[in-house]
């Protein structure tokens, strides 16, 4: 029996894009999906995923942050081996740039996410872990 692959945590708060779980699994990852950032942050602390795929959801009602992604990054930064991939809407590029000034991500994609580029990115991440 082969050992399970590295864990990929997919955080799908809003969705509205294809279910990439089959793509993640084809790349050799064990997949866990969370739909709430608070639960996802707890999962990150417990499971220490190799990869986190999350959405940037601009929230104008936050006073000190642009999104809950910032809170998540404060948890992920304690896990130096964890890579983060972010999906975001082009219309929120300006707000996302503020986040990029403070945090670095393995890869970012605007919607619609180019499936082949995401597959290539995941293949590279899987090879990095071999």
N, C-alpha and C. Protein backbone atom coordinates (compact mmCIF):
# COMPACT_ATOMS: atom_id res chain seq x y z
N UNK A 1 0.85 -1.18 0.00
CA UNK A 1 0.00 0.00 0.00
C UNK A 1 0.89 1.24 0.00
N UNK A 2 0.61 2.18 -0.88
CA UNK A 2 1.43 3.38 -0.95
C UNK A 2 0.99 4.37 0.12
N UNK A 3 1.94 5.15 0.60
CA UNK A 3 1.61 6.13 1.62
C UNK A 3 0.84 7.28 0.98
N UNK A 4 -0.06 7.89 1.75
CA UNK A 4 -0.83 9.00 1.18
C UNK A 4 0.10 10.16 0.86
N UNK A 5 -0.29 10.93 -0.13
CA UNK A 5 0.53 12.07 -0.54
C UNK A 5 0.47 13.19 0.46
N UNK A 6 1.21 14.25 0.18
CA UNK A 6 1.18 15.41 1.07
C UNK A 6 -0.21 16.04 1.08
N UNK A 7 -0.53 16.73 2.17
CA UNK A 7 -1.85 17.32 2.32
C UNK A 7 -1.97 18.66 1.62
N UNK A 8 -3.04 18.83 0.88
CA UNK A 8 -3.40 20.10 0.27
C UNK A 8 -4.72 20.53 0.91
N UNK A 9 -4.72 21.70 1.53
CA UNK A 9 -5.94 22.26 2.11
C UNK A 9 -6.51 23.26 1.14
N UNK A 10 -7.73 23.00 0.69
CA UNK A 10 -8.43 23.89 -0.23
C UNK A 10 -9.48 24.66 0.58
N UNK A 11 -9.35 25.99 0.59
CA UNK A 11 -10.31 26.82 1.32
C UNK A 11 -11.23 27.48 0.30
N UNK A 12 -12.47 27.03 0.28
CA UNK A 12 -13.45 27.51 -0.69
C UNK A 12 -14.54 28.26 0.08
N UNK A 13 -14.35 29.56 0.25
CA UNK A 13 -15.33 30.35 0.98
C UNK A 13 -16.48 30.79 0.07
N UNK A 14 -16.16 31.31 -1.09
CA UNK A 14 -17.18 31.79 -2.02
C UNK A 14 -17.40 30.84 -3.18
N UNK A 15 -16.32 30.25 -3.69
CA UNK A 15 -16.44 29.33 -4.82
C UNK A 15 -16.82 30.05 -6.10
N UNK A 16 -17.67 29.39 -6.89
CA UNK A 16 -18.06 29.97 -8.16
C UNK A 16 -17.07 29.65 -9.26
N UNK A 17 -16.21 28.69 -9.01
CA UNK A 17 -15.24 28.23 -10.01
C UNK A 17 -15.23 26.71 -9.97
N UNK A 18 -14.59 26.07 -10.94
CA UNK A 18 -14.62 24.60 -10.99
C UNK A 18 -14.09 23.97 -9.71
N UNK A 19 -14.58 22.78 -9.42
CA UNK A 19 -14.06 21.99 -8.31
C UNK A 19 -12.72 21.41 -8.76
N UNK A 20 -11.63 21.89 -8.17
CA UNK A 20 -10.30 21.45 -8.59
C UNK A 20 -9.81 20.23 -7.81
N UNK A 21 -10.65 19.66 -6.96
CA UNK A 21 -10.23 18.51 -6.16
C UNK A 21 -9.63 17.39 -7.03
N UNK A 22 -10.29 16.99 -8.15
CA UNK A 22 -9.70 15.93 -8.98
C UNK A 22 -8.30 16.32 -9.51
N UNK A 23 -8.11 17.58 -9.84
CA UNK A 23 -6.81 18.06 -10.31
C UNK A 23 -5.77 17.96 -9.20
N UNK A 24 -6.16 18.35 -7.98
CA UNK A 24 -5.25 18.26 -6.83
C UNK A 24 -4.86 16.81 -6.58
N UNK A 25 -5.84 15.92 -6.66
CA UNK A 25 -5.58 14.51 -6.41
C UNK A 25 -4.70 13.90 -7.50
N UNK A 26 -4.95 14.27 -8.76
CA UNK A 26 -4.10 13.76 -9.86
C UNK A 26 -2.65 14.20 -9.68
N UNK A 27 -2.45 15.35 -9.03
CA UNK A 27 -1.08 15.83 -8.79
C UNK A 27 -0.43 15.10 -7.61
N UNK A 28 -1.18 14.21 -6.95
CA UNK A 28 -0.61 13.40 -5.89
C UNK A 28 -0.87 13.90 -4.47
N UNK A 29 -1.80 14.84 -4.32
CA UNK A 29 -2.09 15.39 -2.99
C UNK A 29 -3.30 14.71 -2.36
N UNK A 30 -3.25 14.58 -1.05
CA UNK A 30 -4.43 14.26 -0.24
C UNK A 30 -5.15 15.59 -0.09
N UNK A 31 -6.45 15.62 -0.24
CA UNK A 31 -7.17 16.89 -0.26
C UNK A 31 -8.14 16.99 0.91
N UNK A 32 -8.10 18.13 1.57
CA UNK A 32 -9.04 18.47 2.62
C UNK A 32 -9.65 19.81 2.23
N UNK A 33 -10.98 19.91 2.29
CA UNK A 33 -11.66 21.15 1.90
C UNK A 33 -12.33 21.76 3.13
N UNK A 34 -12.12 23.06 3.31
CA UNK A 34 -12.80 23.81 4.37
C UNK A 34 -13.55 24.95 3.70
N UNK A 35 -14.71 25.32 4.27
CA UNK A 35 -15.51 26.39 3.70
C UNK A 35 -15.55 27.65 4.56
N UNK A 36 -14.92 27.57 5.74
CA UNK A 36 -14.87 28.75 6.61
C UNK A 36 -13.44 28.99 7.05
N UNK A 37 -13.00 30.24 6.96
CA UNK A 37 -11.61 30.56 7.27
C UNK A 37 -11.24 30.21 8.71
N UNK A 38 -12.13 30.45 9.63
CA UNK A 38 -11.83 30.14 11.04
C UNK A 38 -11.53 28.65 11.20
N UNK A 39 -12.32 27.81 10.58
CA UNK A 39 -12.10 26.36 10.63
C UNK A 39 -10.81 26.00 9.88
N UNK A 40 -10.57 26.66 8.77
CA UNK A 40 -9.35 26.41 7.99
C UNK A 40 -8.10 26.72 8.82
N UNK A 41 -8.12 27.81 9.56
CA UNK A 41 -6.95 28.17 10.37
C UNK A 41 -6.70 27.13 11.46
N UNK A 42 -7.75 26.59 12.03
CA UNK A 42 -7.61 25.52 13.01
C UNK A 42 -7.00 24.28 12.35
N UNK A 43 -7.47 23.97 11.16
CA UNK A 43 -6.95 22.82 10.40
C UNK A 43 -5.48 23.01 10.07
N UNK A 44 -5.10 24.21 9.68
CA UNK A 44 -3.69 24.50 9.35
C UNK A 44 -2.81 24.24 10.57
N UNK A 45 -3.24 24.70 11.73
CA UNK A 45 -2.46 24.51 12.96
C UNK A 45 -2.30 23.03 13.29
N UNK A 46 -3.38 22.26 13.12
CA UNK A 46 -3.37 20.84 13.48
C UNK A 46 -2.67 19.97 12.44
N UNK A 47 -3.00 20.19 11.17
CA UNK A 47 -2.57 19.28 10.10
C UNK A 47 -1.28 19.67 9.40
N UNK A 48 -0.89 20.94 9.49
CA UNK A 48 0.32 21.46 8.83
C UNK A 48 0.40 21.03 7.36
N UNK A 49 -0.54 21.51 6.54
CA UNK A 49 -0.57 21.09 5.13
C UNK A 49 0.67 21.53 4.34
N UNK A 50 0.98 20.76 3.31
CA UNK A 50 2.09 21.11 2.42
C UNK A 50 1.70 22.30 1.55
N UNK A 51 0.42 22.33 1.16
CA UNK A 51 -0.08 23.38 0.26
C UNK A 51 -1.44 23.86 0.77
N UNK A 52 -1.64 25.17 0.70
CA UNK A 52 -2.94 25.77 0.99
C UNK A 52 -3.37 26.52 -0.26
N UNK A 53 -4.57 26.24 -0.74
CA UNK A 53 -5.14 26.97 -1.86
C UNK A 53 -6.31 27.76 -1.29
N UNK A 54 -6.26 29.09 -1.43
CA UNK A 54 -7.28 29.94 -0.83
C UNK A 54 -7.71 31.03 -1.80
N UNK A 55 -8.84 31.65 -1.47
CA UNK A 55 -9.36 32.76 -2.26
C UNK A 55 -9.06 34.07 -1.55
N UNK A 56 -8.78 35.11 -2.31
CA UNK A 56 -8.71 36.46 -1.75
C UNK A 56 -10.09 37.06 -1.94
N UNK A 57 -10.78 37.24 -0.82
CA UNK A 57 -12.11 37.84 -0.85
C UNK A 57 -12.03 39.19 -0.16
N UNK A 58 -11.93 40.24 -0.94
CA UNK A 58 -11.82 41.59 -0.38
C UNK A 58 -13.04 41.89 0.48
N UNK A 59 -12.76 42.35 1.70
CA UNK A 59 -13.84 42.67 2.63
C UNK A 59 -13.66 44.11 3.09
N UNK A 60 -14.41 45.00 2.50
CA UNK A 60 -14.26 46.43 2.77
C UNK A 60 -14.67 46.80 4.19
N UNK A 61 -15.41 45.92 4.87
CA UNK A 61 -15.84 46.24 6.23
C UNK A 61 -14.76 45.98 7.28
N UNK A 62 -13.64 45.38 6.88
CA UNK A 62 -12.53 45.19 7.82
C UNK A 62 -11.79 46.51 7.97
N UNK A 63 -11.54 46.92 9.20
CA UNK A 63 -10.81 48.17 9.43
C UNK A 63 -9.31 48.02 9.20
N UNK A 64 -8.75 46.95 9.75
CA UNK A 64 -7.29 46.82 9.76
C UNK A 64 -6.73 45.79 8.78
N UNK A 65 -7.60 45.13 8.03
CA UNK A 65 -7.16 44.12 7.07
C UNK A 65 -7.97 44.24 5.79
N UNK A 66 -7.49 43.58 4.74
CA UNK A 66 -8.24 43.57 3.49
C UNK A 66 -9.13 42.34 3.38
N UNK A 67 -8.73 41.25 4.07
CA UNK A 67 -9.49 40.01 3.99
C UNK A 67 -9.06 39.06 5.10
N UNK A 68 -9.80 37.98 5.26
CA UNK A 68 -9.43 36.96 6.25
C UNK A 68 -8.17 36.20 5.82
N UNK A 69 -7.78 36.36 4.57
CA UNK A 69 -6.54 35.75 4.08
C UNK A 69 -5.34 36.25 4.89
N UNK A 70 -5.38 37.49 5.32
CA UNK A 70 -4.29 38.03 6.15
C UNK A 70 -4.18 37.29 7.48
N UNK A 71 -5.31 37.01 8.08
CA UNK A 71 -5.31 36.25 9.34
C UNK A 71 -4.74 34.86 9.11
N UNK A 72 -5.14 34.22 8.02
CA UNK A 72 -4.64 32.90 7.70
C UNK A 72 -3.13 32.91 7.51
N UNK A 73 -2.63 33.94 6.84
CA UNK A 73 -1.18 34.02 6.58
C UNK A 73 -0.38 34.13 7.88
N UNK A 74 -0.95 34.75 8.90
CA UNK A 74 -0.22 34.84 10.17
C UNK A 74 -0.04 33.45 10.78
N UNK A 75 -0.94 32.53 10.48
CA UNK A 75 -0.81 31.15 10.94
C UNK A 75 0.17 30.39 10.04
N UNK A 76 0.01 30.53 8.73
CA UNK A 76 0.85 29.81 7.76
C UNK A 76 2.32 30.21 7.88
N UNK A 77 2.59 31.46 8.21
CA UNK A 77 3.98 31.91 8.29
C UNK A 77 4.79 31.15 9.33
N UNK A 78 4.12 30.49 10.26
CA UNK A 78 4.82 29.68 11.27
C UNK A 78 5.18 28.30 10.73
N UNK A 79 4.76 28.02 9.49
CA UNK A 79 5.03 26.72 8.85
C UNK A 79 5.86 26.96 7.59
N UNK A 80 7.17 27.05 7.73
CA UNK A 80 8.01 27.44 6.60
C UNK A 80 7.92 26.54 5.37
N UNK A 81 7.50 25.30 5.52
CA UNK A 81 7.40 24.41 4.36
C UNK A 81 6.09 24.49 3.62
N UNK A 82 5.13 25.22 4.17
CA UNK A 82 3.80 25.30 3.54
C UNK A 82 3.79 26.33 2.43
N UNK A 83 3.28 25.93 1.27
CA UNK A 83 3.17 26.82 0.11
C UNK A 83 1.72 27.27 -0.03
N UNK A 84 1.53 28.53 -0.41
CA UNK A 84 0.18 29.08 -0.53
C UNK A 84 -0.07 29.54 -1.95
N UNK A 85 -1.19 29.09 -2.49
CA UNK A 85 -1.66 29.50 -3.82
C UNK A 85 -2.95 30.28 -3.59
N UNK A 86 -3.06 31.43 -4.25
CA UNK A 86 -4.23 32.28 -4.04
C UNK A 86 -4.93 32.57 -5.37
N UNK A 87 -6.26 32.47 -5.33
CA UNK A 87 -7.12 32.85 -6.45
C UNK A 87 -7.74 34.20 -6.10
N UNK A 88 -7.81 35.11 -7.09
CA UNK A 88 -8.44 36.41 -6.81
C UNK A 88 -9.08 37.00 -8.05
N UNK A 89 -10.03 37.90 -7.79
CA UNK A 89 -10.73 38.60 -8.87
C UNK A 89 -9.87 39.76 -9.35
N UNK A 90 -9.75 39.89 -10.67
CA UNK A 90 -8.95 40.97 -11.25
C UNK A 90 -9.42 42.34 -10.77
N UNK A 91 -10.72 42.51 -10.55
CA UNK A 91 -11.25 43.80 -10.12
C UNK A 91 -10.75 44.20 -8.73
N UNK A 92 -10.23 43.23 -7.96
CA UNK A 92 -9.69 43.54 -6.64
C UNK A 92 -8.16 43.54 -6.62
N UNK A 93 -7.55 43.66 -7.78
CA UNK A 93 -6.09 43.66 -7.88
C UNK A 93 -5.44 44.72 -6.99
N UNK A 94 -6.02 45.91 -6.96
CA UNK A 94 -5.45 46.99 -6.16
C UNK A 94 -5.39 46.61 -4.68
N UNK A 95 -6.47 46.04 -4.16
CA UNK A 95 -6.49 45.63 -2.76
C UNK A 95 -5.55 44.44 -2.53
N UNK A 96 -5.49 43.55 -3.51
CA UNK A 96 -4.62 42.38 -3.39
C UNK A 96 -3.15 42.81 -3.37
N UNK A 97 -2.82 43.85 -4.12
CA UNK A 97 -1.44 44.37 -4.13
C UNK A 97 -1.00 44.77 -2.72
N UNK A 98 -1.91 45.31 -1.93
CA UNK A 98 -1.58 45.68 -0.54
C UNK A 98 -1.16 44.44 0.26
N UNK A 99 -1.83 43.34 0.01
CA UNK A 99 -1.50 42.10 0.68
C UNK A 99 -0.15 41.55 0.19
N UNK A 100 0.09 41.67 -1.10
CA UNK A 100 1.36 41.20 -1.67
C UNK A 100 2.55 41.99 -1.15
N UNK A 101 2.32 43.21 -0.70
CA UNK A 101 3.40 44.02 -0.15
C UNK A 101 3.88 43.48 1.20
N UNK A 102 3.03 42.68 1.84
CA UNK A 102 3.33 42.18 3.18
C UNK A 102 3.59 40.67 3.21
N UNK A 103 2.92 39.94 2.33
CA UNK A 103 3.02 38.48 2.33
C UNK A 103 3.45 37.98 0.95
N UNK A 104 4.18 36.87 0.96
CA UNK A 104 4.53 36.28 -0.33
C UNK A 104 3.79 34.96 -0.48
N UNK A 105 3.38 34.69 -1.69
CA UNK A 105 2.64 33.49 -2.01
C UNK A 105 3.43 32.69 -3.04
N UNK A 106 3.24 31.38 -3.04
CA UNK A 106 3.92 30.54 -4.01
C UNK A 106 3.48 30.90 -5.42
N UNK A 107 2.16 31.10 -5.58
CA UNK A 107 1.61 31.44 -6.89
C UNK A 107 0.26 32.10 -6.72
N UNK A 108 -0.08 33.00 -7.59
CA UNK A 108 -1.40 33.63 -7.58
C UNK A 108 -2.02 33.50 -8.97
N UNK A 109 -3.33 33.36 -8.99
CA UNK A 109 -4.06 33.24 -10.25
C UNK A 109 -5.29 34.14 -10.20
N UNK A 110 -5.55 34.85 -11.29
CA UNK A 110 -6.81 35.59 -11.39
C UNK A 110 -7.86 34.67 -11.98
N UNK A 111 -9.11 34.96 -11.65
CA UNK A 111 -10.22 34.21 -12.24
C UNK A 111 -10.43 34.64 -13.67
N UNK A 112 -10.80 33.77 -14.57
CA UNK A 112 -10.92 32.33 -14.37
C UNK A 112 -9.55 31.68 -14.26
N UNK A 113 -9.41 30.77 -13.33
CA UNK A 113 -8.12 30.11 -13.08
C UNK A 113 -7.79 29.23 -14.27
N UNK A 114 -6.60 29.45 -14.87
CA UNK A 114 -6.19 28.61 -16.00
C UNK A 114 -5.81 27.21 -15.51
N UNK A 115 -6.65 26.25 -15.80
CA UNK A 115 -6.50 24.91 -15.25
C UNK A 115 -5.14 24.27 -15.55
N UNK A 116 -4.65 24.44 -16.77
CA UNK A 116 -3.36 23.81 -17.09
C UNK A 116 -2.22 24.46 -16.30
N UNK A 117 -2.26 25.77 -16.13
CA UNK A 117 -1.22 26.45 -15.34
C UNK A 117 -1.28 26.01 -13.88
N UNK A 118 -2.48 25.83 -13.35
CA UNK A 118 -2.63 25.34 -11.98
C UNK A 118 -2.08 23.91 -11.88
N UNK A 119 -2.39 23.07 -12.86
CA UNK A 119 -1.89 21.69 -12.87
C UNK A 119 -0.36 21.68 -12.91
N UNK A 120 0.23 22.54 -13.74
CA UNK A 120 1.70 22.63 -13.83
C UNK A 120 2.30 23.07 -12.49
N UNK A 121 1.66 24.05 -11.87
CA UNK A 121 2.11 24.56 -10.58
C UNK A 121 2.08 23.44 -9.53
N UNK A 122 1.01 22.69 -9.50
CA UNK A 122 0.88 21.58 -8.54
C UNK A 122 1.90 20.48 -8.81
N UNK A 123 2.15 20.21 -10.08
CA UNK A 123 3.16 19.22 -10.44
C UNK A 123 4.52 19.65 -9.90
N UNK A 124 4.84 20.93 -10.07
CA UNK A 124 6.11 21.47 -9.55
C UNK A 124 6.19 21.34 -8.04
N UNK A 125 5.08 21.64 -7.36
CA UNK A 125 5.06 21.52 -5.89
C UNK A 125 5.24 20.08 -5.45
N UNK A 126 4.58 19.17 -6.14
CA UNK A 126 4.71 17.75 -5.79
C UNK A 126 6.15 17.28 -6.00
N UNK A 127 6.78 17.72 -7.09
CA UNK A 127 8.17 17.34 -7.38
C UNK A 127 9.11 17.93 -6.32
N UNK A 128 8.80 19.11 -5.83
CA UNK A 128 9.61 19.77 -4.80
C UNK A 128 9.66 18.92 -3.53
N UNK A 129 8.61 18.16 -3.27
CA UNK A 129 8.49 17.40 -2.04
C UNK A 129 9.08 15.99 -2.15
N UNK A 130 9.51 15.61 -3.36
CA UNK A 130 10.05 14.24 -3.55
C UNK A 130 11.48 14.15 -3.09
